[in-house]
Each structure stands twice: as structure tokens, then as C-alpha cells.
Amino acid sequence: MRFGGILKAARQRAGLSQEELAHRLNINQSDVSKFENDRKVPDVLTFIQWIQQTSAQEVMVAFLYGMDGMSMIQNLLPMIGGFISWI
């Protein structure tokens, strides 16, 4: 499974640099780069900690269930639109 782009987006959304996230995960910055570029696969513990540190639980669940980025947006927009019109 290739998910480096999702990991990178989660890190960036959390406002963390590769160095900051590496420090929080107790790994090397070069490993963060390798994970984000699909040159290395994180072990389960690192993957879970990455999700927790970047507050990306909902994105990861959707991705692991096979939903790509475009599908996530398409499924979320109607809900957001309905919510806004309700207000």
C-alpha cells in the first residue's frame, strides 16, 4: 500500500516540519522523508503514532477503507453544504 502522500499531507496539515514530527515519533528525519516518499513503510506502532501526532484519524480511516482523496472530498461536500444551509 502506498500512502506517503497521505502521511505528508497529515503532517503538513498539523503544521509540523519533518524534524518536529521525527522528534515526536523518536525517529530520524530521514525516515520521515522515506515514509512520505514511499521509499520505506512505517511499522504499525510508528503509523499509529503518526496518526495521533497529526490528528489525522478520520483521514486514515477513510484511506484504509479504500477511499481516495477525491472520493473523500465528494462525500464530504454534500454533508458540509447541508450543514451550512441548515444554519
C-alpha atoms as a PDB file:
ATOM      1  CA  MET A   1       0.000   0.000   0.000  1.00  0.00           C
ATOM      2  CA  ARG A   2       1.378   3.393  -0.989  1.00  0.00           C
ATOM      3  CA  PHE A   3       0.323   6.168   1.322  1.00  0.00           C
ATOM      4  CA  GLY A   4       3.310   8.512   1.590  1.00  0.00           C
ATOM      5  CA  GLY A   5       1.336  11.424   0.175  1.00  0.00           C
ATOM      6  CA  ILE A   6      -1.376  10.964   2.800  1.00  0.00           C
ATOM      7  CA  LEU A   7       1.232  10.858   5.582  1.00  0.00           C
ATOM      8  CA  LYS A   8       2.856  14.024   4.241  1.00  0.00           C
ATOM      9  CA  ALA A   9      -0.478  15.840   3.929  1.00  0.00           C
ATOM     10  CA  ALA A  10      -1.381  14.863   7.505  1.00  0.00           C
ATOM     11  CA  ARG A  11       1.950  16.194   8.779  1.00  0.00           C
ATOM     12  CA  GLN A  12       1.616  19.435   6.859  1.00  0.00           C
ATOM     13  CA  ARG A  13      -1.999  19.923   7.961  1.00  0.00           C
ATOM     14  CA  ALA A  14      -0.809  19.573  11.558  1.00  0.00           C
ATOM     15  CA  GLY A  15       1.755  22.317  10.905  1.00  0.00           C
ATOM     16  CA  LEU A  16       4.722  20.103  11.700  1.00  0.00           C
ATOM     17  CA  SER A  17       8.071  20.004   9.943  1.00  0.00           C
ATOM     18  CA  GLN A  18       9.664  16.653   9.218  1.00  0.00           C
ATOM     19  CA  GLU A  19      12.138  17.365  12.016  1.00  0.00           C
ATOM     20  CA  GLU A  20       9.403  18.171  14.548  1.00  0.00           C
ATOM     21  CA  LEU A  21       7.429  15.049  13.719  1.00  0.00           C
ATOM     22  CA  ALA A  22      10.565  12.893  13.791  1.00  0.00           C
ATOM     23  CA  HIS A  23      11.328  14.195  17.275  1.00  0.00           C
ATOM     24  CA  ARG A  24       7.782  13.430  18.476  1.00  0.00           C
ATOM     25  CA  LEU A  25       7.967   9.921  16.992  1.00  0.00           C
ATOM     26  CA  ASN A  26      11.510   9.323  18.240  1.00  0.00           C
ATOM     27  CA  ILE A  27      12.762   8.505  14.738  1.00  0.00           C
ATOM     28  CA  ASN A  28      15.167  10.144  12.282  1.00  0.00           C
ATOM     29  CA  GLN A  29      14.049  12.934   9.970  1.00  0.00           C
ATOM     30  CA  SER A  30      15.361  10.856   7.063  1.00  0.00           C
ATOM     31  CA  ASP A  31      12.866   8.113   7.983  1.00  0.00           C
ATOM     32  CA  VAL A  32      10.008  10.636   7.868  1.00  0.00           C
ATOM     33  CA  SER A  33      11.158  11.627   4.389  1.00  0.00           C
ATOM     34  CA  LYS A  34      11.385   7.992   3.278  1.00  0.00           C
ATOM     35  CA  PHE A  35       7.871   7.255   4.565  1.00  0.00           C
ATOM     36  CA  GLU A  36       6.438  10.312   2.817  1.00  0.00           C
ATOM     37  CA  ASN A  37       8.124   9.392  -0.459  1.00  0.00           C
ATOM     38  CA  ASP A  38       7.059   5.733  -0.342  1.00  0.00           C
ATOM     39  CA  ARG A  39      10.656   4.531  -0.078  1.00  0.00           C
ATOM     40  CA  LYS A  40      10.016   2.905   3.306  1.00  0.00           C
ATOM     41  CA  VAL A  41       6.894   1.559   5.043  1.00  0.00           C
ATOM     42  CA  PRO A  42       6.356   2.522   8.684  1.00  0.00           C
ATOM     43  CA  ASP A  43       5.818  -0.219  11.232  1.00  0.00           C
ATOM     44  CA  VAL A  44       2.389  -0.349  12.860  1.00  0.00           C
ATOM     45  CA  LEU A  45       3.439   1.477  16.039  1.00  0.00           C
ATOM     46  CA  THR A  46       5.034   4.331  14.069  1.00  0.00           C
ATOM     47  CA  PHE A  47       1.972   4.527  11.820  1.00  0.00           C
ATOM     48  CA  ILE A  48      -0.395   4.779  14.804  1.00  0.00           C
ATOM     49  CA  GLN A  49       1.779   7.400  16.498  1.00  0.00           C
ATOM     50  CA  TRP A  50       1.937   9.406  13.247  1.00  0.00           C
ATOM     51  CA  ILE A  51      -1.858   9.411  13.095  1.00  0.00           C
ATOM     52  CA  GLN A  52      -2.117  10.515  16.715  1.00  0.00           C
ATOM     53  CA  GLN A  53       0.533  13.229  16.456  1.00  0.00           C
ATOM     54  CA  THR A  54      -1.076  14.727  13.349  1.00  0.00           C
ATOM     55  CA  SER A  55      -4.707  14.327  14.471  1.00  0.00           C
ATOM     56  CA  ALA A  56      -5.491  12.591  11.185  1.00  0.00           C
ATOM     57  CA  GLN A  57      -7.622   9.715  12.423  1.00  0.00           C
ATOM     58  CA  GLU A  58     -10.555  10.415  10.101  1.00  0.00           C
ATOM     59  CA  VAL A  59      -8.337  10.699   7.034  1.00  0.00           C
ATOM     60  CA  MET A  60      -6.518   7.472   7.812  1.00  0.00           C
ATOM     61  CA  VAL A  61      -9.720   5.522   8.441  1.00  0.00           C
ATOM     62  CA  ALA A  62     -11.153   6.695   5.115  1.00  0.00           C
ATOM     63  CA  PHE A  63      -7.903   5.894   3.313  1.00  0.00           C
ATOM     64  CA  LEU A  64      -7.575   2.438   4.883  1.00  0.00           C
ATOM     65  CA  TYR A  65     -11.137   1.654   3.813  1.00  0.00           C
ATOM     66  CA  GLY A  66     -10.070   2.361   0.242  1.00  0.00           C
ATOM     67  CA  MET A  67     -11.407   5.860  -0.241  1.00  0.00           C
ATOM     68  CA  ASP A  68      -9.096   8.038  -2.335  1.00  0.00           C
ATOM     69  CA  GLY A  69      -8.675  11.776  -1.813  1.00  0.00           C
ATOM     70  CA  MET A  70     -11.213  12.773  -4.459  1.00  0.00           C
ATOM     71  CA  SER A  71     -13.820  10.392  -3.042  1.00  0.00           C
ATOM     72  CA  MET A  72     -13.299  11.856   0.416  1.00  0.00           C
ATOM     73  CA  ILE A  73     -13.953  15.357  -0.918  1.00  0.00           C
ATOM     74  CA  GLN A  74     -17.003  14.258  -2.923  1.00  0.00           C
ATOM     75  CA  ASN A  75     -18.520  12.533   0.096  1.00  0.00           C
ATOM     76  CA  LEU A  76     -17.823  15.389   2.487  1.00  0.00           C
ATOM     77  CA  LEU A  77     -19.025  18.296   0.336  1.00  0.00           C
ATOM     78  CA  PRO A  78     -22.732  17.340   0.366  1.00  0.00           C
ATOM     79  CA  MET A  79     -22.629  16.979   4.155  1.00  0.00           C
ATOM     80  CA  ILE A  80     -20.936  20.363   4.557  1.00  0.00           C
ATOM     81  CA  GLY A  81     -23.380  22.009   2.137  1.00  0.00           C
ATOM     82  CA  GLY A  82     -26.348  20.559   4.005  1.00  0.00           C
ATOM     83  CA  PHE A  83     -24.957  21.724   7.293  1.00  0.00           C
ATOM     84  CA  ILE A  84     -24.383  25.251   6.002  1.00  0.00           C
ATOM     85  CA  SER A  85     -27.914  25.515   4.562  1.00  0.00           C
ATOM     86  CA  TRP A  86     -29.314  24.264   7.892  1.00  0.00           C
ATOM     87  CA  ILE A  87     -27.599  27.163   9.723  1.00  0.00           C
END
